């Protein structure tokens, strides 16, 4: 199904899964954002229950996060405010006659937010969470915010690192982080998260927030909600939130692929080769490039134009350097897990394309995850350097080999 432009401030609920397709995990926090939205509307979950579950995990692991190295990881928790907003969200969800209209998709959803997105000062006063236009937009939609989240997590080395892994740690359903220097993409890739860095100017103006979740669908839903909540956009944009039907949804999609680097581990080569075979099965046409393109964006633009490519494929793993997810100012990027090495390190792929190609990249990633859901559904246990957060993820399933 072709993605439709979103209208108003509510992403279409037709992008959510059917109730019958939602399983019964052992814990509330193991539901994905789209599943939570369905269960909130059916009355099987409440925003207060979700908030209490997230707060419990934050309190449980906060000391472990603070104690990791010299990274000064921190989570600001205003439990009383979060619970108050959760109860207000429940009232909105249960009241069909609310004067504001039907509850938006993010109503009752627990989100994390990076300190770098909200740390502002007005007239010399210390910043407050409510001072941020982004926070005001989320509150208007009934979202519950936990944060600000602060701290760098290797690899990545940026203050948005904790936000990038919070959804995988089940601390929240999704998180928002600064994308000015791709601050969250490398930590997301290193911990099997799905992240979207939108084109410059599409969501919140110059400093575009990126979204991180356990699936591209969840990240796209958050981005769509943000973009359509009254923001002036630089160009008409379609935000896909559902995968296309058919067994070859990527038919006619042209993807540029470069040879693996000699410095990459052999396990990364094997995962890349398997991923390329999977893309081909879905109908994508992989265009072999002789070598890595010159420094982006100039070299990338020439490759995209000369080879008539829809996007470029880049790889990342916990053992790869940050240059494996190159920073291309203003260009969108979507990263998602495609496997892991024999040592358990996550390996992510990323689609990168020119400015305003967001919908094309997101749609391709949605199609892949719909056909191969096991990579993001059964993420490996979360590690922060040498620290392993026990019982962070659901019981681990065997990762498939094909």
Protein backbone atom coordinates (compact mmCIF):
# COMPACT_ATOMS: atom_id res chain seq x y z
CA UNK A 1 0.00 0.00 0.00
CA UNK A 2 1.38 3.39 -0.94
CA UNK A 3 2.01 5.73 1.99
CA UNK A 4 -0.52 8.52 2.31
CA UNK A 5 0.17 12.06 3.51
CA UNK A 6 -0.89 12.57 7.09
CA UNK A 7 -3.47 15.21 7.88
CA UNK A 8 -4.17 17.13 11.06
CA UNK A 9 -2.10 16.23 14.10
CA UNK A 10 -2.95 12.53 14.27
CA UNK A 11 -1.15 9.84 12.27
CA UNK A 12 -3.71 7.43 10.79
CA UNK A 13 -4.66 4.60 13.10
CA UNK A 14 -4.79 2.36 10.03
CA UNK A 15 -1.02 2.21 10.39
CA UNK A 16 -1.38 0.29 13.65
CA UNK A 17 -1.43 -3.51 13.86
CA UNK A 18 -4.65 -5.44 14.32
CA UNK A 19 -5.49 -6.58 17.83
CA UNK A 20 -5.31 -10.23 16.80
CA UNK A 21 -1.69 -9.84 15.67
CA UNK A 22 -0.49 -8.64 19.09
CA UNK A 23 1.00 -11.32 21.31
CA UNK A 24 1.17 -11.54 25.09
CA UNK A 25 4.71 -10.78 26.31
CA UNK A 26 5.74 -11.45 29.88
CA UNK A 27 6.02 -7.74 30.70
CA UNK A 28 4.13 -4.61 29.74
CA UNK A 29 7.37 -2.90 28.68
CA UNK A 30 7.96 -5.54 26.00
CA UNK A 31 5.08 -4.25 23.87
CA UNK A 32 6.16 -2.05 20.97
CA UNK A 33 4.83 1.48 20.66
CA UNK A 34 2.30 0.64 17.94
CA UNK A 35 1.00 -2.27 20.02
CA UNK A 36 0.70 -0.05 23.10
CA UNK A 37 -1.39 2.43 21.10
CA UNK A 38 -3.81 -0.34 20.10
CA UNK A 39 -4.13 -1.71 23.65
CA UNK A 40 -4.61 1.77 25.12
CA UNK A 41 -7.57 2.30 22.82
CA UNK A 42 -9.06 -1.11 23.55
CA UNK A 43 -8.86 -0.48 27.30
CA UNK A 44 -6.58 -3.45 27.93
CA UNK A 45 -3.76 -1.15 29.04
CA UNK A 46 -3.75 2.23 30.72
CA UNK A 47 -1.23 5.04 30.44
CA UNK A 48 -0.77 4.86 34.21
CA UNK A 49 0.21 1.19 33.99
CA UNK A 50 2.75 1.92 31.24
CA UNK A 51 4.20 4.84 33.19
CA UNK A 52 4.55 2.85 36.41
CA UNK A 53 6.29 0.03 34.51
CA UNK A 54 8.76 2.46 32.89
CA UNK A 55 9.44 4.25 36.17
CA UNK A 56 10.12 0.93 37.87
CA UNK A 57 12.76 0.05 35.28
CA UNK A 58 14.33 3.49 35.46
CA UNK A 59 14.66 3.25 39.23
CA UNK A 60 15.97 -0.30 38.97
CA UNK A 61 18.78 0.46 36.53
CA UNK A 62 19.54 4.10 37.33
CA UNK A 63 22.41 3.31 39.69
CA UNK A 64 23.93 0.87 37.18
CA UNK A 65 23.80 3.53 34.49
CA UNK A 66 25.31 6.19 36.74
CA UNK A 67 28.09 3.84 37.78
CA UNK A 68 29.37 3.09 34.29
CA UNK A 69 32.84 4.60 33.79
CA UNK A 70 33.19 8.36 33.56
CA UNK A 71 30.25 8.92 31.24
CA UNK A 72 28.03 10.58 33.88
CA UNK A 73 24.87 8.90 32.66
CA UNK A 74 21.81 10.45 34.24
CA UNK A 75 18.05 10.23 34.03
CA UNK A 76 15.90 13.02 35.41
CA UNK A 77 12.76 11.47 36.86
CA UNK A 78 9.77 13.58 37.92
CA UNK A 79 7.58 10.65 38.85
CA UNK A 80 4.71 12.73 40.19
CA UNK A 81 4.43 14.79 37.03
CA UNK A 82 4.67 11.69 34.83
CA UNK A 83 1.89 9.93 36.74
CA UNK A 84 -0.30 13.03 36.68
CA UNK A 85 0.04 13.31 32.91
CA UNK A 86 -0.61 9.58 32.55
CA UNK A 87 -3.92 9.90 34.40
CA UNK A 88 -4.89 12.87 32.23
CA UNK A 89 -4.04 10.81 29.14
CA UNK A 90 -6.27 7.98 30.39
CA UNK A 91 -9.14 10.43 30.78
CA UNK A 92 -8.67 11.63 27.20
CA UNK A 93 -8.47 8.08 25.85
CA UNK A 94 -11.65 7.01 27.63
CA UNK A 95 -13.72 10.12 26.81
CA UNK A 96 -15.21 9.97 23.32
CA UNK A 97 -16.76 13.42 23.86
CA UNK A 98 -13.54 15.21 24.76
CA UNK A 99 -13.68 18.73 23.22
CA UNK A 100 -10.15 18.25 21.84
CA UNK A 101 -11.40 15.39 19.68
CA UNK A 102 -10.13 11.80 19.52
CA UNK A 103 -6.93 11.15 21.44
CA UNK A 104 -3.80 11.46 19.23
CA UNK A 105 -1.72 8.39 18.57
CA UNK A 106 0.96 9.37 21.12
CA UNK A 107 -1.58 9.89 23.90
CA UNK A 108 -0.56 7.72 26.85
CA UNK A 109 2.77 6.66 25.31
CA UNK A 110 5.93 6.93 27.45
CA UNK A 111 8.77 8.65 25.57
CA UNK A 112 12.33 9.52 26.49
CA UNK A 113 13.93 12.79 25.44
CA UNK A 114 17.57 13.83 25.23
CA UNK A 115 18.76 16.71 27.36
CA UNK A 116 20.34 18.30 24.28
CA UNK A 117 16.86 18.84 22.81
CA UNK A 118 15.39 20.64 25.81
CA UNK A 119 18.33 22.35 27.54
CA UNK A 120 17.39 25.93 26.73
CA UNK A 121 17.49 29.15 28.73
CA UNK A 122 15.12 32.07 28.49
CA UNK A 123 16.02 35.56 29.67
CA UNK A 124 18.84 34.18 31.76
CA UNK A 125 16.58 31.77 33.67
CA UNK A 126 17.62 28.13 34.08
CA UNK A 127 15.94 25.91 31.52
CA UNK A 128 12.86 23.90 32.31
CA UNK A 129 11.39 20.96 30.46
CA UNK A 130 8.24 22.94 29.69
CA UNK A 131 10.25 25.70 27.97
CA UNK A 132 10.98 23.48 24.97
CA UNK A 133 8.62 23.83 21.97
CA UNK A 134 9.19 20.14 21.26
CA UNK A 135 8.09 19.19 24.77
CA UNK A 136 5.02 21.42 24.49
CA UNK A 137 4.06 19.69 21.25
CA UNK A 138 4.40 16.26 22.85
CA UNK A 139 2.40 17.29 25.91
CA UNK A 140 -0.36 18.62 23.65
CA UNK A 141 -0.65 15.12 22.21
CA UNK A 142 -0.92 13.49 25.63
CA UNK A 143 2.54 11.89 25.67
CA UNK A 144 4.31 11.12 28.96
CA UNK A 145 7.97 12.19 29.04
CA UNK A 146 10.74 10.62 31.08
CA UNK A 147 13.91 12.64 31.08
CA UNK A 148 15.91 14.57 30.20
CA UNK A 149 18.26 11.68 29.45
CA UNK A 150 21.94 12.56 29.46
CA UNK A 151 25.15 10.64 28.92
CA UNK A 152 27.49 9.22 26.32
CA UNK A 153 27.64 5.49 25.71
CA UNK A 154 30.45 3.94 23.70
CA UNK A 155 30.50 3.59 20.82
CA UNK A 156 29.18 6.97 19.84
CA UNK A 157 30.58 9.24 22.50
CA UNK A 158 27.77 11.81 22.44
CA UNK A 159 25.39 13.13 25.06
CA UNK A 160 22.45 11.61 23.16
CA UNK A 161 23.80 8.09 23.62
CA UNK A 162 21.52 7.17 26.52
CA UNK A 163 18.45 8.34 24.59
CA UNK A 164 19.52 6.15 21.69
CA UNK A 165 19.45 2.92 23.71
CA UNK A 166 16.60 3.69 26.14
CA UNK A 167 13.89 1.97 24.01
CA UNK A 168 15.99 -1.21 23.68
CA UNK A 169 16.47 -1.17 27.46
CA UNK A 170 12.65 -0.97 27.82
CA UNK A 171 12.99 2.32 29.70
CA UNK A 172 10.47 3.89 27.31
CA UNK A 173 8.60 3.04 24.11
CA UNK A 174 10.65 5.43 21.97
CA UNK A 175 13.04 8.34 22.42
CA UNK A 176 14.00 11.57 20.73
CA UNK A 177 17.56 12.79 20.35
CA UNK A 178 19.50 15.55 18.66
CA UNK A 179 20.69 14.83 15.12
CA UNK A 180 22.88 17.85 14.40
CA UNK A 181 25.99 15.63 14.41
CA UNK A 182 24.34 12.20 14.09
CA UNK A 183 24.63 12.02 17.87
CA UNK A 184 22.30 9.06 18.24
CA UNK A 185 22.81 7.00 15.07
CA UNK A 186 25.99 5.17 16.10
CA UNK A 187 24.76 4.25 19.62
CA UNK A 188 21.47 3.10 18.08
CA UNK A 189 23.29 0.90 15.59
CA UNK A 190 25.53 -0.55 18.29
CA UNK A 191 22.57 -1.69 20.40
CA UNK A 192 20.16 -3.11 17.79
CA UNK A 193 17.82 -0.11 17.86
CA UNK A 194 15.95 1.29 14.87
CA UNK A 195 16.53 5.00 14.33
CA UNK A 196 15.43 7.65 11.86
CA UNK A 197 17.38 10.83 11.18
CA UNK A 198 15.01 13.02 9.12
CA UNK A 199 15.98 15.55 6.50
CA UNK A 200 16.92 18.97 7.75
CA UNK A 201 13.87 21.17 8.27
CA UNK A 202 11.12 18.55 8.16
CA UNK A 203 10.21 18.13 11.82
CA UNK A 204 11.27 20.99 14.07
CA UNK A 205 13.17 23.43 11.90
CA UNK A 206 16.95 23.64 11.85
CA UNK A 207 17.71 21.28 14.73
CA UNK A 208 15.74 18.22 13.66
CA UNK A 209 14.98 15.63 16.37
CA UNK A 210 15.72 12.04 15.48
CA UNK A 211 13.52 9.20 16.69
CA UNK A 212 14.70 5.88 18.11
CA UNK A 213 12.57 2.82 18.85
CA UNK A 214 12.69 -0.96 18.67
CA UNK A 215 11.27 -0.93 15.13
CA UNK A 216 11.27 1.45 12.19
CA UNK A 217 7.46 1.49 12.31
CA UNK A 218 7.47 2.86 15.86
CA UNK A 219 10.13 5.45 15.05
CA UNK A 220 8.20 6.54 11.95
CA UNK A 221 4.96 6.90 13.92
CA UNK A 222 6.63 9.26 16.39
CA UNK A 223 8.23 11.27 13.61
CA UNK A 224 4.92 11.52 11.74
CA UNK A 225 3.13 12.72 14.86
CA UNK A 226 5.77 15.38 15.47
CA UNK A 227 5.84 16.59 11.90
CA UNK A 228 2.08 16.89 11.61
CA UNK A 229 1.42 18.64 14.91
CA UNK A 230 1.34 22.09 13.38
CA UNK A 231 4.91 22.39 12.09
CA UNK A 232 5.55 24.33 8.91
CA UNK A 233 7.32 22.03 6.48
CA UNK A 234 9.73 22.98 3.74
CA UNK A 235 8.13 20.62 1.22
CA UNK A 236 5.17 18.22 1.03
CA UNK A 237 6.21 14.99 2.73
CA UNK A 238 4.68 11.54 2.91
CA UNK A 239 5.54 9.67 6.08
CA UNK A 240 5.00 5.93 5.55
CA UNK A 241 4.04 3.98 8.66
CA UNK A 242 3.03 0.62 7.13
CA UNK A 243 4.87 -1.92 5.00
CA UNK A 244 3.75 -2.60 1.45
CA UNK A 245 2.03 -5.85 0.60
CA UNK A 246 3.32 -8.56 -1.70
CA UNK A 247 6.31 -10.85 -1.58
CA UNK A 248 8.57 -8.43 -3.52
CA UNK A 249 7.81 -5.01 -2.02
CA UNK A 250 11.23 -3.61 -2.98
CA UNK A 251 10.78 -4.30 -6.68
CA UNK A 252 12.47 -1.58 -8.80
CA UNK A 253 14.30 -0.14 -5.76
CA UNK A 254 17.93 0.55 -6.71
CA UNK A 255 20.39 0.40 -3.80
CA UNK A 256 24.07 1.28 -4.05
CA UNK A 257 26.39 -1.17 -2.27
CA UNK A 258 30.12 -0.75 -1.66
CA UNK A 259 32.59 -3.57 -0.88
CA UNK A 260 33.21 -4.35 2.81
CA UNK A 261 36.23 -2.74 4.37
CA UNK A 262 39.28 -4.85 5.09
CA UNK A 263 39.12 -3.65 8.71
CA UNK A 264 35.65 -5.14 9.22
CA UNK A 265 35.36 -8.49 10.96
CA UNK A 266 34.57 -11.53 8.79
CA UNK A 267 31.28 -11.95 10.69
CA UNK A 268 30.21 -8.54 9.38
CA UNK A 269 30.93 -9.70 5.83
CA UNK A 270 28.75 -12.77 6.34
CA UNK A 271 25.88 -10.74 7.77
CA UNK A 272 26.18 -8.22 4.93
CA UNK A 273 26.11 -10.98 2.31
CA UNK A 274 23.01 -12.51 3.90
CA UNK A 275 21.35 -9.09 4.06
CA UNK A 276 22.07 -8.47 0.39
CA UNK A 277 20.49 -11.81 -0.50
CA UNK A 278 17.41 -10.91 1.53
CA UNK A 279 17.08 -7.55 -0.23
CA UNK A 280 17.34 -9.30 -3.59
CA UNK A 281 14.57 -11.73 -2.60
CA UNK A 282 12.36 -8.74 -1.83
CA UNK A 283 12.93 -7.40 -5.35
CA UNK A 284 15.63 -4.79 -4.75
CA UNK A 285 18.28 -4.29 -7.41
CA UNK A 286 21.71 -3.97 -5.82
CA UNK A 287 24.16 -1.82 -7.75
CA UNK A 288 27.78 -2.70 -7.05
CA UNK A 289 30.00 0.33 -6.66
CA UNK A 290 33.73 -0.15 -7.24
CA UNK A 291 34.77 1.38 -3.94
CA UNK A 292 33.52 3.50 -1.09
CA UNK A 293 32.38 6.88 -2.45
CA UNK A 294 34.44 9.99 -1.80
CA UNK A 295 33.71 12.15 1.19
CA UNK A 296 29.95 12.79 1.38
CA UNK A 297 27.86 14.47 0.27
CA UNK A 298 29.62 15.40 -3.00
CA UNK A 299 30.79 11.90 -3.90
CA UNK A 300 27.50 10.38 -2.83
CA UNK A 301 25.48 12.77 -4.95
CA UNK A 302 27.40 11.80 -8.07
CA UNK A 303 26.90 8.09 -7.37
CA UNK A 304 23.18 8.52 -6.78
CA UNK A 305 22.79 10.56 -9.95
CA UNK A 306 25.03 8.55 -12.28
CA UNK A 307 23.73 5.14 -11.17
CA UNK A 308 20.11 6.31 -10.73
CA UNK A 309 20.13 5.02 -7.16
CA UNK A 310 17.28 5.36 -4.68
CA UNK A 311 19.62 5.12 -1.70
CA UNK A 312 23.02 4.02 -0.46
CA UNK A 313 23.57 1.08 1.89
CA UNK A 314 26.03 1.54 4.74
CA UNK A 315 26.87 -0.86 7.54
CA UNK A 316 27.64 -0.53 11.23
CA UNK A 317 28.58 -2.84 14.07
CA UNK A 318 29.75 -2.39 17.63
CA UNK A 319 33.31 -2.99 16.46
CA UNK A 320 33.15 -0.56 13.55
CA UNK A 321 34.28 3.02 13.77
CA UNK A 322 31.76 5.87 13.67
CA UNK A 323 32.76 6.56 10.05
CA UNK A 324 30.77 3.47 9.11
CA UNK A 325 27.67 5.65 9.55
CA UNK A 326 28.94 8.77 7.79
CA UNK A 327 27.63 12.17 8.77
CA UNK A 328 25.97 13.75 5.75
CA UNK A 329 24.61 17.17 6.80
CA UNK A 330 20.92 17.56 6.00
CA UNK A 331 20.51 14.06 4.53
CA UNK A 332 18.11 11.51 6.03
CA UNK A 333 19.23 8.12 7.29
CA UNK A 334 17.42 5.06 8.64
CA UNK A 335 19.28 2.42 10.67
CA UNK A 336 17.94 -0.99 11.74
CA UNK A 337 19.36 -4.33 13.00
CA UNK A 338 20.11 -7.14 10.55
CA UNK A 339 21.99 -9.62 12.76
CA UNK A 340 24.84 -10.03 15.18
CA UNK A 341 28.39 -11.31 15.21
CA UNK A 342 29.51 -14.54 16.85
CA UNK A 343 30.57 -12.48 19.88
CA UNK A 344 27.04 -11.08 20.26
CA UNK A 345 27.77 -7.60 18.90
CA UNK A 346 24.85 -6.02 17.08
CA UNK A 347 25.19 -5.33 13.37
CA UNK A 348 22.96 -2.69 11.81
CA UNK A 349 22.39 -1.60 8.25
CA UNK A 350 21.44 1.92 7.25
CA UNK A 351 19.83 3.45 4.18
CA UNK A 352 21.04 6.95 3.37
CA UNK A 353 19.71 9.21 0.63
CA UNK A 354 19.61 12.83 -0.51
CA UNK A 355 17.64 15.60 1.15
CA UNK A 356 13.86 14.96 1.23
CA UNK A 357 14.18 11.27 0.34
CA UNK A 358 12.91 10.32 3.83
CA UNK A 359 9.77 8.51 2.68
CA UNK A 360 11.70 6.30 0.26
CA UNK A 361 14.24 5.26 2.91
CA UNK A 362 11.64 4.66 5.63
CA UNK A 363 9.44 2.64 3.28
CA UNK A 364 12.31 0.36 2.27
CA UNK A 365 13.22 -0.26 5.92
CA UNK A 366 9.57 -0.88 6.83
CA UNK A 367 9.28 -3.45 4.04
CA UNK A 368 12.42 -5.27 5.18
CA UNK A 369 11.39 -5.42 8.84
CA UNK A 370 7.90 -6.64 7.93
CA UNK A 371 9.42 -9.58 6.03
CA UNK A 372 12.25 -10.25 8.51
CA UNK A 373 10.87 -9.20 11.92
CA UNK A 374 13.09 -11.51 13.98
CA UNK A 375 16.08 -9.14 13.86
CA UNK A 376 14.35 -6.33 15.74
CA UNK A 377 11.95 -8.53 17.74
CA UNK A 378 14.73 -10.65 19.25
CA UNK A 379 17.47 -8.12 19.91
CA UNK A 380 20.52 -9.36 21.84
CA UNK A 381 20.94 -8.44 25.53
CA UNK A 382 21.88 -4.82 26.00
CA UNK A 383 25.48 -4.06 26.86
CA UNK A 384 26.96 -0.69 27.77
CA UNK A 385 30.65 -1.27 27.28
CA UNK A 386 31.45 -4.16 29.62
CA UNK A 387 28.27 -3.60 31.66
CA UNK A 388 25.41 -5.97 30.93
CA UNK A 389 22.03 -4.83 32.21
CA UNK A 390 20.49 -8.06 33.46
CA UNK A 391 16.97 -8.85 32.33
CA UNK A 392 16.78 -5.74 30.18
CA UNK A 393 15.34 -7.48 27.16
CA UNK A 394 12.70 -10.16 26.83
CA UNK A 395 13.86 -13.80 26.91
CA UNK A 396 16.29 -14.09 24.04
CA UNK A 397 15.21 -16.03 20.98
CA UNK A 398 17.64 -17.77 18.68
CA UNK A 399 18.81 -15.38 15.99
CA UNK A 400 18.11 -16.82 12.54
CA UNK A 401 20.87 -17.56 10.09
CA UNK A 402 18.81 -16.86 6.97
